Structures are given as C-alpha cells and as structure tokens.
C-alpha cells in the first residue's frame, strides 16, 4: 500500500496564477513532510483538499511580488502558511494575503519551514490547559516527534521540567542523548512507566499536572497513572491507532481531565483574534533568535527526490524530518 500512495503523487509543471490585487507571489524555500500531510494524501485526515491538490501544509517562502492592495507584505519578506491546506510542496505560488503570516527572515530557514505546525501545537498545549509555573513538570509520549522536541525546548525556556517517554529502539542511547541536549530532564522508555523506579524521578521533581499524548493505547494509560490529582491529559495524535483507555478510579479518586487539541481548529477559532496569534508567533520567533528553539532533526531533500523523501517519512522509528528544498 505504501508504494501505491507514493505513486498517487506526480511532479507537474503548472502555470503560476495571475497576481490579483490582494494576492502575494511567493517563491517557496523549504517545506517539511509531516504525518498530517501523509494522512491527507491517504484520505484519512479531518480536512481534505479538493483534487487535484498540491500537498504540504507547512513551509516557508520568500515574497517576490505583491498585489496593489497588499500593505503588510513586501518583496523579500519571508512568509509561512496562516492555516492548513495551502499546498506548500511547490516552487512558486500565488496566494491571497490573508493565508500568509510574515516571519523574521533572520531565523534559520529550517526553523521557519517547521514553525507553523509543531512549535505552535507545543506552545498552545503548554499554555492553554494548565497554568504552569517554573519548577512544575509535564510528561509526554512520542517525545522524539516534531511536537515532542518543541515541547522539550519551550518547556525548558519556561522553567518547566519534562519527563519524556519514547519507544525502545536499537539506537536508544543516541536518542536519549539528543533529547537531553535539547533540554529534556528525564527520558524513559514506555516499559519504564510501569516500573517502581518511576518513584525516584518524582523525588526530585513534582508529579506532572499536564500529560501530552500523541500515541494512545497502553502507553497513554500508563502515562496517566503518574498525573497529579486534577491534572489534565491532552491528546493531539494517535500513532498507535488504539483508543485511550482510562481506569474509572482515575476519574473518581483523582478527578483527572481528558482534553483534545487540534492546531487547525485553534486557528479557525482564533481567526478574528490577531493578538493571540501574533503573541504566539512573537514568542516562538524570539525563542528561535535566542537559540532556545531549534528546528527538529532534519534531512534536506531536493524536490525531484520527493518519492524517496515520502518513503523515508513513513518508516517506523524515524527521528529525522524530511524537508523538501524548493
């Protein structure tokens, strides 16, 4: 089935649309391949573009030309998508001004290309569900995912401790070292969640008030055990394709809260709230400029080799994000 899906994609030469008064002509620089992009191609995602469609929901481009009514952008500015479905896997495009957000052009191109999905998701989950103070802790699974790496770095900048759960794998020590270098306080395997040694971790840091779940199934149930009473678990992905199982006692005796988060929905809900969006983007760009938020581990691939990039991004235990260079 893997081969079939990649063969659904073709590299095509298209005419660039005419520039309207409120449009912006953009030369794309780089665009990542994210799990949601794959799901959209498979037809299993909650939003699907009308076909034929250009893939890719994230990336960064440089403004080449703007329509007469465009005031906020000028040639040379860098822009990223303001919402999903832009179709970033292309060399050039003409987009309505409101579908783009300006970002500083002095940040690394890979940081800008991977800014609109994972760091935003991480930032919102760390700020919207529990009021975390320096010294508090959170726990997350899939800690080596794009969101997981952003959570580690943003939490560290906020003074919040992280307990990071990853699947056991052949190169585990290397992965642990990489996440610790990003600022992780503890990196453990899913098996360790069930072990008595977990008590040792919570001698030095408080039990987490927030759990971030991108997996589902057993991993989630085990993670939930370590949550403080009245704590919140936020689910934003389901990599194991298994439901979230919660013991009744967790609800009754510990009053835990289960919530969900989807960045696309947040953007829809806050479409009129420019302040929230600008505040978040400012904070994230400042973290990047201060060296406190780096791009995830990336493999840069020329657009011509998109098939190899797609196949690589679907392999299990991937710890490098495939980025199309445009």
Foldseek 3Di string as FASTA:
>chain_A
DLVVLLVVDDDDDDDADDAAQQKWKWFFFKAFDDPQQSCQSVVNDPDHDPPPAATGFFGKTFTCCHHNNDDPDHGGWMKIFLFGRPRRLDRMYMGGPLRIDTADPPFDRLCRRLPPAQLLQLVCQVPPPDHDAQQAEEEEEPLLDQNNLNNQLVCVVRNYAYEYEYADDDPVVVSQVVSVVLRHPHYYYLVCLPDPCVVVVCVRGPQHLEYEYAAADPSQQSSLVRHAQQGEYEYEHHNPPYHHDYDPCCCVVRVYHYYYDDSNVVSVVCVVPVPVVVVSSVVSSVCSVVVSGDGFAEDEDESVVVSVQSVQVPDPPDSYIYMYGD
